[in-house]
């Protein structure tokens, strides 16, 4: 799906055809690249392009807008049921692709979100229709990944809510200790926020990948599972309450430590290793720690 010539085809279709203009965005793609590497990300995008081609007709117009976003004009499609069917098909296929690329043991939630607009129901000008589809996509991603939404004239109404009620619902109980342990979807959201914060305020953070490897290759699978589980709890308690972590693989933990000075990295590694040693974890497994500082890519004067 080449971008060359696609825009002109889309402009013509929006003026002359009846159908649906869709923006399809691969959720958490940048985070997936950071965790599993760009080569794996490229493979995922290539497979997604094939999935989109498979779920659409040959005369539909399809193009890739960027690293993780595709645009499609489906001729003759207008209903929300058809949009949901397309979404369900794509996300079901992506789940299979993830299992093939990473293995069945990986519990990675990847999928797409779709923002759509009907043509000519919402107009015939491509730029205007694109903006409306983009608005619908942004709206659905704010409420959660792997969903779809149509733009309607009611879409951009503003709804009021009490700040106190919202804060109360989101607040964490004060007795929690250790890092904030999140699943893949929520961790990726926090990760993107931290990256934005670093770029805006020229700050730093530390990311660590902790891999647990059995010392004895004949170690019982269940015993190894329990050891990794205990290691996760130990690592969590070794971190600050401002840190975040997730289990990225069956035997790996991905950690983000915001506002962390580089001269304290060795001390943090020593702290994690000591806590694992105190618990006897190091007697049966090796705890391998890789780290990298996250720094601003360029100076940002708009602080």
C-alpha atoms as a PDB file:
ATOM      1  CA  UNK A   1       0.000   0.000   0.000  1.00  0.00           C
ATOM      2  CA  UNK A   2       2.089   2.894  -1.326  1.00  0.00           C
ATOM      3  CA  UNK A   3       1.300   6.460  -0.274  1.00  0.00           C
ATOM      4  CA  UNK A   4       2.167   7.798  -3.721  1.00  0.00           C
ATOM      5  CA  UNK A   5      -0.968   8.729  -5.635  1.00  0.00           C
ATOM      6  CA  UNK A   6      -3.265   7.506  -2.867  1.00  0.00           C
ATOM      7  CA  UNK A   7      -4.220  11.008  -1.691  1.00  0.00           C
ATOM      8  CA  UNK A   8      -5.394  12.011  -5.171  1.00  0.00           C
ATOM      9  CA  UNK A   9      -7.426   8.815  -5.410  1.00  0.00           C
ATOM     10  CA  UNK A  10      -8.972   9.555  -2.020  1.00  0.00           C
ATOM     11  CA  UNK A  11      -9.888  13.111  -3.014  1.00  0.00           C
ATOM     12  CA  UNK A  12     -11.607  11.817  -6.134  1.00  0.00           C
ATOM     13  CA  UNK A  13     -13.436   9.069  -4.244  1.00  0.00           C
ATOM     14  CA  UNK A  14     -14.680  11.486  -1.580  1.00  0.00           C
ATOM     15  CA  UNK A  15     -16.204  13.691  -4.269  1.00  0.00           C
ATOM     16  CA  UNK A  16     -17.735  10.929  -6.393  1.00  0.00           C
ATOM     17  CA  UNK A  17     -18.297   7.797  -4.290  1.00  0.00           C
ATOM     18  CA  UNK A  18     -20.474   6.663  -1.388  1.00  0.00           C
ATOM     19  CA  UNK A  19     -18.640   4.883   1.389  1.00  0.00           C
ATOM     20  CA  UNK A  20     -16.550   5.174   4.512  1.00  0.00           C
ATOM     21  CA  UNK A  21     -13.215   6.946   5.079  1.00  0.00           C
ATOM     22  CA  UNK A  22     -11.256   5.220   7.843  1.00  0.00           C
ATOM     23  CA  UNK A  23      -8.060   6.001   9.742  1.00  0.00           C
ATOM     24  CA  UNK A  24      -6.595   2.813  11.210  1.00  0.00           C
ATOM     25  CA  UNK A  25      -3.995   3.282  13.946  1.00  0.00           C
ATOM     26  CA  UNK A  26      -1.873   0.528  15.480  1.00  0.00           C
ATOM     27  CA  UNK A  27      -2.156   1.048  19.235  1.00  0.00           C
ATOM     28  CA  UNK A  28       1.028   1.260  21.353  1.00  0.00           C
ATOM     29  CA  UNK A  29       3.305   0.820  18.324  1.00  0.00           C
ATOM     30  CA  UNK A  30       6.158   3.039  19.572  1.00  0.00           C
ATOM     31  CA  UNK A  31       6.156   1.218  22.875  1.00  0.00           C
ATOM     32  CA  UNK A  32       6.149  -2.144  21.063  1.00  0.00           C
ATOM     33  CA  UNK A  33       9.222  -0.989  19.110  1.00  0.00           C
ATOM     34  CA  UNK A  34      11.038  -0.003  22.299  1.00  0.00           C
ATOM     35  CA  UNK A  35      10.343  -3.334  23.987  1.00  0.00           C
ATOM     36  CA  UNK A  36      10.722  -5.778  21.091  1.00  0.00           C
ATOM     37  CA  UNK A  37      12.865  -3.845  18.613  1.00  0.00           C
ATOM     38  CA  UNK A  38      12.280  -2.031  15.329  1.00  0.00           C
ATOM     39  CA  UNK A  39      12.793  -5.143  13.204  1.00  0.00           C
ATOM     40  CA  UNK A  40       9.912  -6.821  15.016  1.00  0.00           C
ATOM     41  CA  UNK A  41       7.889  -3.616  14.641  1.00  0.00           C
ATOM     42  CA  UNK A  42       8.491  -3.588  10.882  1.00  0.00           C
ATOM     43  CA  UNK A  43       7.312  -7.187  10.642  1.00  0.00           C
ATOM     44  CA  UNK A  44       4.147  -6.336  12.573  1.00  0.00           C
ATOM     45  CA  UNK A  45       3.346  -3.359  10.314  1.00  0.00           C
ATOM     46  CA  UNK A  46       3.908  -5.446   7.182  1.00  0.00           C
ATOM     47  CA  UNK A  47       1.552  -8.109   8.487  1.00  0.00           C
ATOM     48  CA  UNK A  48      -1.026  -5.439   9.395  1.00  0.00           C
ATOM     49  CA  UNK A  49      -0.890  -4.073   5.833  1.00  0.00           C
ATOM     50  CA  UNK A  50      -1.643  -7.567   4.541  1.00  0.00           C
ATOM     51  CA  UNK A  51      -4.518  -7.960   7.016  1.00  0.00           C
ATOM     52  CA  UNK A  52      -6.065  -4.656   5.894  1.00  0.00           C
ATOM     53  CA  UNK A  53      -5.767  -5.725   2.255  1.00  0.00           C
ATOM     54  CA  UNK A  54      -7.463  -8.992   3.135  1.00  0.00           C
ATOM     55  CA  UNK A  55     -10.456  -7.436   4.877  1.00  0.00           C
ATOM     56  CA  UNK A  56     -11.127  -4.824   2.166  1.00  0.00           C
ATOM     57  CA  UNK A  57     -12.182  -5.129  -1.466  1.00  0.00           C
ATOM     58  CA  UNK A  58      -9.785  -4.887  -4.367  1.00  0.00           C
ATOM     59  CA  UNK A  59     -11.229  -1.578  -5.589  1.00  0.00           C
ATOM     60  CA  UNK A  60     -11.104   0.049  -2.139  1.00  0.00           C
ATOM     61  CA  UNK A  61      -8.397   2.694  -1.736  1.00  0.00           C
ATOM     62  CA  UNK A  62      -5.684   1.892   0.810  1.00  0.00           C
ATOM     63  CA  UNK A  63      -2.520   3.695   1.887  1.00  0.00           C
ATOM     64  CA  UNK A  64      -0.016   3.970   4.709  1.00  0.00           C
ATOM     65  CA  UNK A  65       0.316   7.444   6.217  1.00  0.00           C
ATOM     66  CA  UNK A  66       3.150   6.785   8.630  1.00  0.00           C
ATOM     67  CA  UNK A  67       4.786   4.244  10.855  1.00  0.00           C
ATOM     68  CA  UNK A  68       1.614   3.064  12.540  1.00  0.00           C
ATOM     69  CA  UNK A  69      -1.299   4.594  10.639  1.00  0.00           C
ATOM     70  CA  UNK A  70      -3.229   3.539   7.541  1.00  0.00           C
ATOM     71  CA  UNK A  71      -6.026   5.213   5.601  1.00  0.00           C
ATOM     72  CA  UNK A  72      -8.754   3.320   3.750  1.00  0.00           C
ATOM     73  CA  UNK A  73     -11.757   4.338   1.669  1.00  0.00           C
ATOM     74  CA  UNK A  74     -14.252   1.457   1.611  1.00  0.00           C
ATOM     75  CA  UNK A  75     -16.748   1.919  -1.189  1.00  0.00           C
ATOM     76  CA  UNK A  76     -20.375   1.200  -0.350  1.00  0.00           C
ATOM     77  CA  UNK A  77     -19.821   0.787   3.407  1.00  0.00           C
ATOM     78  CA  UNK A  78     -21.809   3.095   5.671  1.00  0.00           C
ATOM     79  CA  UNK A  79     -23.016   1.279   8.814  1.00  0.00           C
ATOM     80  CA  UNK A  80     -21.471   1.028  12.277  1.00  0.00           C
ATOM     81  CA  UNK A  81     -22.006  -2.749  12.206  1.00  0.00           C
ATOM     82  CA  UNK A  82     -19.762  -3.028   9.150  1.00  0.00           C
ATOM     83  CA  UNK A  83     -17.135  -0.869  10.857  1.00  0.00           C
ATOM     84  CA  UNK A  84     -17.186  -3.075  13.972  1.00  0.00           C
ATOM     85  CA  UNK A  85     -16.875  -6.208  11.816  1.00  0.00           C
ATOM     86  CA  UNK A  86     -13.756  -4.797  10.159  1.00  0.00           C
ATOM     87  CA  UNK A  87     -12.284  -3.834  13.539  1.00  0.00           C
ATOM     88  CA  UNK A  88     -12.997  -7.265  15.006  1.00  0.00           C
ATOM     89  CA  UNK A  89     -11.461  -9.063  12.030  1.00  0.00           C
ATOM     90  CA  UNK A  90      -8.266  -6.976  12.109  1.00  0.00           C
ATOM     91  CA  UNK A  91      -7.749  -7.318  15.864  1.00  0.00           C
ATOM     92  CA  UNK A  92      -8.406 -11.056  15.765  1.00  0.00           C
ATOM     93  CA  UNK A  93      -5.783 -11.464  13.044  1.00  0.00           C
ATOM     94  CA  UNK A  94      -3.279  -9.248  14.902  1.00  0.00           C
ATOM     95  CA  UNK A  95      -3.582 -11.493  17.950  1.00  0.00           C
ATOM     96  CA  UNK A  96      -2.572 -14.465  15.792  1.00  0.00           C
ATOM     97  CA  UNK A  97       0.328 -12.489  14.286  1.00  0.00           C
ATOM     98  CA  UNK A  98       1.631 -11.518  17.744  1.00  0.00           C
ATOM     99  CA  UNK A  99       1.566 -15.164  18.806  1.00  0.00           C
ATOM    100  CA  UNK A 100       3.515 -16.104  15.668  1.00  0.00           C
ATOM    101  CA  UNK A 101       6.089 -13.324  16.069  1.00  0.00           C
ATOM    102  CA  UNK A 102       6.641 -13.451  19.835  1.00  0.00           C
ATOM    103  CA  UNK A 103       5.422 -16.877  20.909  1.00  0.00           C
ATOM    104  CA  UNK A 104       2.334 -18.139  22.687  1.00  0.00           C
ATOM    105  CA  UNK A 105       3.749 -17.343  26.129  1.00  0.00           C
ATOM    106  CA  UNK A 106       3.792 -13.597  25.424  1.00  0.00           C
ATOM    107  CA  UNK A 107       0.794 -11.786  26.871  1.00  0.00           C
ATOM    108  CA  UNK A 108       0.958  -8.662  24.698  1.00  0.00           C
ATOM    109  CA  UNK A 109      -2.246  -6.811  23.926  1.00  0.00           C
ATOM    110  CA  UNK A 110      -1.839  -5.318  20.456  1.00  0.00           C
ATOM    111  CA  UNK A 111      -4.581  -4.158  18.137  1.00  0.00           C
ATOM    112  CA  UNK A 112      -5.888  -1.212  16.160  1.00  0.00           C
ATOM    113  CA  UNK A 113      -8.266   1.659  16.752  1.00  0.00           C
ATOM    114  CA  UNK A 114     -10.344   3.087  13.904  1.00  0.00           C
ATOM    115  CA  UNK A 115     -11.814   6.534  13.380  1.00  0.00           C
ATOM    116  CA  UNK A 116     -14.302   6.727  10.521  1.00  0.00           C
ATOM    117  CA  UNK A 117     -16.600   9.125   8.705  1.00  0.00           C
ATOM    118  CA  UNK A 118     -19.365   8.458   6.188  1.00  0.00           C
ATOM    119  CA  UNK A 119     -19.185   9.880   2.672  1.00  0.00           C
ATOM    120  CA  UNK A 120     -21.084  11.899   1.514  1.00  0.00           C
ATOM    121  CA  UNK A 121     -23.017  11.949   4.821  1.00  0.00           C
ATOM    122  CA  UNK A 122     -20.361  14.147   6.457  1.00  0.00           C
ATOM    123  CA  UNK A 123     -19.262  15.940   3.298  1.00  0.00           C
ATOM    124  CA  UNK A 124     -17.260  15.421   0.125  1.00  0.00           C
ATOM    125  CA  UNK A 125     -14.083  17.425   0.807  1.00  0.00           C
ATOM    126  CA  UNK A 126     -11.196  15.072   1.567  1.00  0.00           C
ATOM    127  CA  UNK A 127      -9.326  17.374   3.963  1.00  0.00           C
ATOM    128  CA  UNK A 128     -12.464  18.042   6.010  1.00  0.00           C
ATOM    129  CA  UNK A 129     -13.406  14.358   6.071  1.00  0.00           C
ATOM    130  CA  UNK A 130      -9.868  13.407   7.089  1.00  0.00           C
ATOM    131  CA  UNK A 131     -10.017  15.838  10.026  1.00  0.00           C
ATOM    132  CA  UNK A 132     -13.341  14.375  11.152  1.00  0.00           C
ATOM    133  CA  UNK A 133     -12.054  10.799  10.943  1.00  0.00           C
ATOM    134  CA  UNK A 134      -8.944  11.878  12.852  1.00  0.00           C
ATOM    135  CA  UNK A 135     -11.144  13.469  15.529  1.00  0.00           C
ATOM    136  CA  UNK A 136     -13.141  10.239  15.859  1.00  0.00           C
ATOM    137  CA  UNK A 137      -9.904   8.254  16.138  1.00  0.00           C
ATOM    138  CA  UNK A 138      -8.558  10.560  18.831  1.00  0.00           C
ATOM    139  CA  UNK A 139     -11.833  10.319  20.752  1.00  0.00           C
ATOM    140  CA  UNK A 140     -11.859   6.512  20.770  1.00  0.00           C
ATOM    141  CA  UNK A 141      -8.189   6.322  21.805  1.00  0.00           C
ATOM    142  CA  UNK A 142      -8.900   8.589  24.764  1.00  0.00           C
ATOM    143  CA  UNK A 143     -11.521   6.154  26.031  1.00  0.00           C
ATOM    144  CA  UNK A 144      -9.426   3.025  25.431  1.00  0.00           C
ATOM    145  CA  UNK A 145      -7.511   1.154  22.744  1.00  0.00           C
ATOM    146  CA  UNK A 146      -8.754  -1.365  20.171  1.00  0.00           C
ATOM    147  CA  UNK A 147     -12.063   0.421  19.538  1.00  0.00           C
ATOM    148  CA  UNK A 148     -13.800   2.259  16.711  1.00  0.00           C
ATOM    149  CA  UNK A 149     -15.942   5.358  16.357  1.00  0.00           C
ATOM    150  CA  UNK A 150     -17.827   7.299  13.699  1.00  0.00           C
ATOM    151  CA  UNK A 151     -17.658  11.065  13.558  1.00  0.00           C
ATOM    152  CA  UNK A 152     -21.098  12.609  13.976  1.00  0.00           C
ATOM    153  CA  UNK A 153     -22.261  16.167  14.504  1.00  0.00           C
ATOM    154  CA  UNK A 154     -22.780  15.261  18.173  1.00  0.00           C
ATOM    155  CA  UNK A 155     -19.216  13.947  18.559  1.00  0.00           C
ATOM    156  CA  UNK A 156     -17.638  17.219  19.569  1.00  0.00           C
ATOM    157  CA  UNK A 157     -20.062  18.168  22.329  1.00  0.00           C
ATOM    158  CA  UNK A 158     -18.318  18.928  25.593  1.00  0.00           C
ATOM    159  CA  UNK A 159     -19.461  17.184  28.718  1.00  0.00           C
ATOM    160  CA  UNK A 160     -18.899  18.592  32.191  1.00  0.00           C
ATOM    161  CA  UNK A 161     -17.825  16.516  35.151  1.00  0.00           C
ATOM    162  CA  UNK A 162     -16.939  17.373  38.702  1.00  0.00           C
ATOM    163  CA  UNK A 163     -13.177  17.519  39.265  1.00  0.00           C
ATOM    164  CA  UNK A 164     -13.563  16.241  42.803  1.00  0.00           C
ATOM    165  CA  UNK A 165     -15.496  13.150  41.729  1.00  0.00           C
ATOM    166  CA  UNK A 166     -13.022  12.370  38.957  1.00  0.00           C
ATOM    167  CA  UNK A 167     -10.046  12.744  41.280  1.00  0.00           C
ATOM    168  CA  UNK A 168     -11.671  10.604  43.952  1.00  0.00           C
ATOM    169  CA  UNK A 169     -12.380   7.811  41.477  1.00  0.00           C
ATOM    170  CA  UNK A 170      -8.814   7.800  40.169  1.00  0.00           C
ATOM    171  CA  UNK A 171      -6.905   8.278  43.424  1.00  0.00           C
ATOM    172  CA  UNK A 172      -4.826   5.368  44.717  1.00  0.00           C
ATOM    173  CA  UNK A 173      -5.033   4.237  48.317  1.00  0.00           C
ATOM    174  CA  UNK A 174      -2.216   5.692  50.376  1.00  0.00           C
ATOM    175  CA  UNK A 175      -0.940   2.408  51.824  1.00  0.00           C
ATOM    176  CA  UNK A 176       0.637   1.076  48.621  1.00  0.00           C
ATOM    177  CA  UNK A 177       4.405   0.530  48.529  1.00  0.00           C
ATOM    178  CA  UNK A 178       6.884  -0.147  45.765  1.00  0.00           C
ATOM    179  CA  UNK A 179       6.507   0.634  42.084  1.00  0.00           C
ATOM    180  CA  UNK A 180       3.234   0.926  40.216  1.00  0.00           C
ATOM    181  CA  UNK A 181       2.807  -2.475  38.522  1.00  0.00           C
ATOM    182  CA  UNK A 182       0.793  -2.165  35.310  1.00  0.00           C
ATOM    183  CA  UNK A 183      -0.233  -4.363  32.415  1.00  0.00           C
ATOM    184  CA  UNK A 184       1.014  -3.717  28.873  1.00  0.00           C
ATOM    185  CA  UNK A 185      -1.729  -1.285  27.804  1.00  0.00           C
ATOM    186  CA  UNK A 186      -1.583   0.957  30.870  1.00  0.00           C
ATOM    187  CA  UNK A 187       2.209   0.801  31.076  1.00  0.00           C
ATOM    188  CA  UNK A 188       2.524   1.981  27.477  1.00  0.00           C
ATOM    189  CA  UNK A 189       0.338   5.010  28.230  1.00  0.00           C
ATOM    190  CA  UNK A 190       2.500   5.968  31.220  1.00  0.00           C
ATOM    191  CA  UNK A 191       5.623   5.333  29.150  1.00  0.00           C
ATOM    192  CA  UNK A 192       4.457   7.741  26.435  1.00  0.00           C
ATOM    193  CA  UNK A 193       3.685  10.367  29.064  1.00  0.00           C
ATOM    194  CA  UNK A 194       7.149  10.014  30.597  1.00  0.00           C
ATOM    195  CA  UNK A 195       8.762  10.387  27.164  1.00  0.00           C
ATOM    196  CA  UNK A 196       6.745  13.556  26.551  1.00  0.00           C
ATOM    197  CA  UNK A 197       7.706  14.915  29.973  1.00  0.00           C
ATOM    198  CA  UNK A 198      11.384  14.273  29.259  1.00  0.00           C
ATOM    199  CA  UNK A 199      11.236  16.020  25.882  1.00  0.00           C
ATOM    200  CA  UNK A 200       9.327  18.991  27.287  1.00  0.00           C
ATOM    201  CA  UNK A 201      11.386  19.584  30.438  1.00  0.00           C
ATOM    202  CA  UNK A 202      14.742  18.173  29.279  1.00  0.00           C
ATOM    203  CA  UNK A 203      14.556  15.630  32.081  1.00  0.00           C
ATOM    204  CA  UNK A 204      15.950  12.091  32.355  1.00  0.00           C
ATOM    205  CA  UNK A 205      14.637   8.674  33.301  1.00  0.00           C
ATOM    206  CA  UNK A 206      16.078   5.201  33.606  1.00  0.00           C
ATOM    207  CA  UNK A 207      14.682   2.159  31.837  1.00  0.00           C
ATOM    208  CA  UNK A 208      15.734  -1.299  32.943  1.00  0.00           C
ATOM    209  CA  UNK A 209      15.098  -4.768  31.578  1.00  0.00           C
ATOM    210  CA  UNK A 210      15.426  -7.496  34.211  1.00  0.00           C
ATOM    211  CA  UNK A 211      15.705 -11.034  32.841  1.00  0.00           C
ATOM    212  CA  UNK A 212      15.407 -14.099  35.070  1.00  0.00           C
ATOM    213  CA  UNK A 213      17.308 -17.171  33.832  1.00  0.00           C
ATOM    214  CA  UNK A 214      17.420 -20.569  35.614  1.00  0.00           C
ATOM    215  CA  UNK A 215      20.907 -21.677  36.672  1.00  0.00           C
ATOM    216  CA  UNK A 216      19.918 -25.298  36.160  1.00  0.00           C
ATOM    217  CA  UNK A 217      18.472 -25.969  32.694  1.00  0.00           C
ATOM    218  CA  UNK A 218      16.540 -28.890  34.192  1.00  0.00           C
ATOM    219  CA  UNK A 219      14.689 -26.631  36.628  1.00  0.00           C
ATOM    220  CA  UNK A 220      11.015 -27.565  36.911  1.00  0.00           C
ATOM    221  CA  UNK A 221       8.795 -25.217  34.864  1.00  0.00           C
ATOM    222  CA  UNK A 222       6.404 -24.620  37.761  1.00  0.00           C
ATOM    223  CA  UNK A 223       9.266 -23.898  40.172  1.00  0.00           C
ATOM    224  CA  UNK A 224      10.716 -21.436  37.680  1.00  0.00           C
ATOM    225  CA  UNK A 225       7.326 -19.755  37.288  1.00  0.00           C
ATOM    226  CA  UNK A 226       7.023 -19.336  41.061  1.00  0.00           C
ATOM    227  CA  UNK A 227      10.587 -18.033  41.307  1.00  0.00           C
ATOM    228  CA  UNK A 228       9.954 -15.433  38.589  1.00  0.00           C
ATOM    229  CA  UNK A 229       6.741 -14.434  40.341  1.00  0.00           C
ATOM    230  CA  UNK A 230       8.594 -13.940  43.629  1.00  0.00           C
ATOM    231  CA  UNK A 231      11.385 -12.075  41.858  1.00  0.00           C
ATOM    232  CA  UNK A 232       8.813  -9.667  40.425  1.00  0.00           C
ATOM    233  CA  UNK A 233       7.527  -8.879  43.911  1.00  0.00           C
ATOM    234  CA  UNK A 234      11.065  -8.375  45.201  1.00  0.00           C
ATOM    235  CA  UNK A 235      11.960  -6.053  42.322  1.00  0.00           C
ATOM    236  CA  UNK A 236       8.728  -4.128  42.832  1.00  0.00           C
ATOM    237  CA  UNK A 237       9.508  -3.541  46.509  1.00  0.00           C
ATOM    238  CA  UNK A 238      13.040  -2.423  45.642  1.00  0.00           C
ATOM    239  CA  UNK A 239      11.719   0.430  43.517  1.00  0.00           C
ATOM    240  CA  UNK A 240      10.281   3.799  44.471  1.00  0.00           C
ATOM    241  CA  UNK A 241       6.541   4.519  44.538  1.00  0.00           C
ATOM    242  CA  UNK A 242       7.109   6.897  41.609  1.00  0.00           C
ATOM    243  CA  UNK A 243       8.510   4.093  39.433  1.00  0.00           C
ATOM    244  CA  UNK A 244       6.481   1.853  37.096  1.00  0.00           C
ATOM    245  CA  UNK A 245       6.981  -1.714  35.938  1.00  0.00           C
ATOM    246  CA  UNK A 246       5.388  -4.442  33.881  1.00  0.00           C
ATOM    247  CA  UNK A 247       6.093  -8.081  33.091  1.00  0.00           C
ATOM    248  CA  UNK A 248       7.101  -7.875  29.426  1.00  0.00           C
ATOM    249  CA  UNK A 249       7.822 -11.576  28.935  1.00  0.00           C
ATOM    250  CA  UNK A 250       7.370 -14.754  30.927  1.00  0.00           C
ATOM    251  CA  UNK A 251      10.801 -14.231  32.498  1.00  0.00           C
ATOM    252  CA  UNK A 252      11.318 -10.471  32.033  1.00  0.00           C
ATOM    253  CA  UNK A 253      10.330  -7.247  33.748  1.00  0.00           C
ATOM    254  CA  UNK A 254      10.486  -3.809  32.130  1.00  0.00           C
ATOM    255  CA  UNK A 255      11.016  -0.903  34.544  1.00  0.00           C
ATOM    256  CA  UNK A 256      10.840   2.867  34.154  1.00  0.00           C
ATOM    257  CA  UNK A 257      12.340   5.076  36.864  1.00  0.00           C
ATOM    258  CA  UNK A 258      11.439   8.746  36.204  1.00  0.00           C
ATOM    259  CA  UNK A 259      13.740  11.615  37.187  1.00  0.00           C
ATOM    260  CA  UNK A 260      16.556   9.213  37.936  1.00  0.00           C
ATOM    261  CA  UNK A 261      20.153  10.544  37.956  1.00  0.00           C
ATOM    262  CA  UNK A 262      22.681   8.454  36.056  1.00  0.00           C
ATOM    263  CA  UNK A 263      25.179   8.420  38.919  1.00  0.00           C
ATOM    264  CA  UNK A 264      22.685   6.376  41.007  1.00  0.00           C
ATOM    265  CA  UNK A 265      22.200   3.594  38.445  1.00  0.00           C
ATOM    266  CA  UNK A 266      24.852   1.327  39.971  1.00  0.00           C
ATOM    267  CA  UNK A 267      23.287   1.732  43.403  1.00  0.00           C
ATOM    268  CA  UNK A 268      19.846   0.751  42.109  1.00  0.00           C
ATOM    269  CA  UNK A 269      21.242  -2.352  40.398  1.00  0.00           C
ATOM    270  CA  UNK A 270      23.066  -3.229  43.613  1.00  0.00           C
ATOM    271  CA  UNK A 271      19.853  -2.714  45.598  1.00  0.00           C
ATOM    272  CA  UNK A 272      17.853  -5.070  43.359  1.00  0.00           C
ATOM    273  CA  UNK A 273      20.587  -7.725  43.413  1.00  0.00           C
ATOM    274  CA  UNK A 274      20.911  -7.510  47.196  1.00  0.00           C
ATOM    275  CA  UNK A 275      17.178  -7.924  47.769  1.00  0.00           C
ATOM    276  CA  UNK A 276      17.142 -10.941  45.435  1.00  0.00           C
ATOM    277  CA  UNK A 277      20.129 -12.394  47.295  1.00  0.00           C
ATOM    278  CA  UNK A 278      18.515 -11.791  50.693  1.00  0.00           C
ATOM    279  CA  UNK A 279      15.454 -13.721  49.499  1.00  0.00           C
ATOM    280  CA  UNK A 280      17.598 -16.581  48.164  1.00  0.00           C
ATOM    281  CA  UNK A 281      16.472 -15.987  44.595  1.00  0.00           C
ATOM    282  CA  UNK A 282      20.038 -15.853  43.288  1.00  0.00           C
ATOM    283  CA  UNK A 283      20.655 -19.427  44.422  1.00  0.00           C
ATOM    284  CA  UNK A 284      18.443 -20.884  41.689  1.00  0.00           C
ATOM    285  CA  UNK A 285      18.315 -18.186  38.995  1.00  0.00           C
ATOM    286  CA  UNK A 286      20.487 -15.496  37.479  1.00  0.00           C
ATOM    287  CA  UNK A 287      19.135 -11.953  37.587  1.00  0.00           C
ATOM    288  CA  UNK A 288      20.439 -10.131  34.515  1.00  0.00           C
ATOM    289  CA  UNK A 289      19.878  -6.373  34.387  1.00  0.00           C
ATOM    290  CA  UNK A 290      20.213  -4.200  31.291  1.00  0.00           C
ATOM    291  CA  UNK A 291      19.674  -0.464  31.491  1.00  0.00           C
ATOM    292  CA  UNK A 292      19.546   2.645  29.353  1.00  0.00           C
ATOM    293  CA  UNK A 293      19.043   6.292  30.202  1.00  0.00           C
ATOM    294  CA  UNK A 294      16.123   8.072  28.529  1.00  0.00           C
ATOM    295  CA  UNK A 295      17.107  11.631  27.652  1.00  0.00           C
ATOM    296  CA  UNK A 296      15.592  14.421  25.600  1.00  0.00           C
ATOM    297  CA  UNK A 297      16.361  14.019  21.896  1.00  0.00           C
ATOM    298  CA  UNK A 298      16.644  17.758  21.401  1.00  0.00           C
ATOM    299  CA  UNK A 299      16.502  20.888  23.485  1.00  0.00           C
ATOM    300  CA  UNK A 300      12.959  22.133  23.997  1.00  0.00           C
ATOM    301  CA  UNK A 301      12.661  25.846  24.679  1.00  0.00           C
ATOM    302  CA  UNK A 302       8.867  25.744  24.978  1.00  0.00           C
ATOM    303  CA  UNK A 303       8.756  24.782  28.667  1.00  0.00           C
END
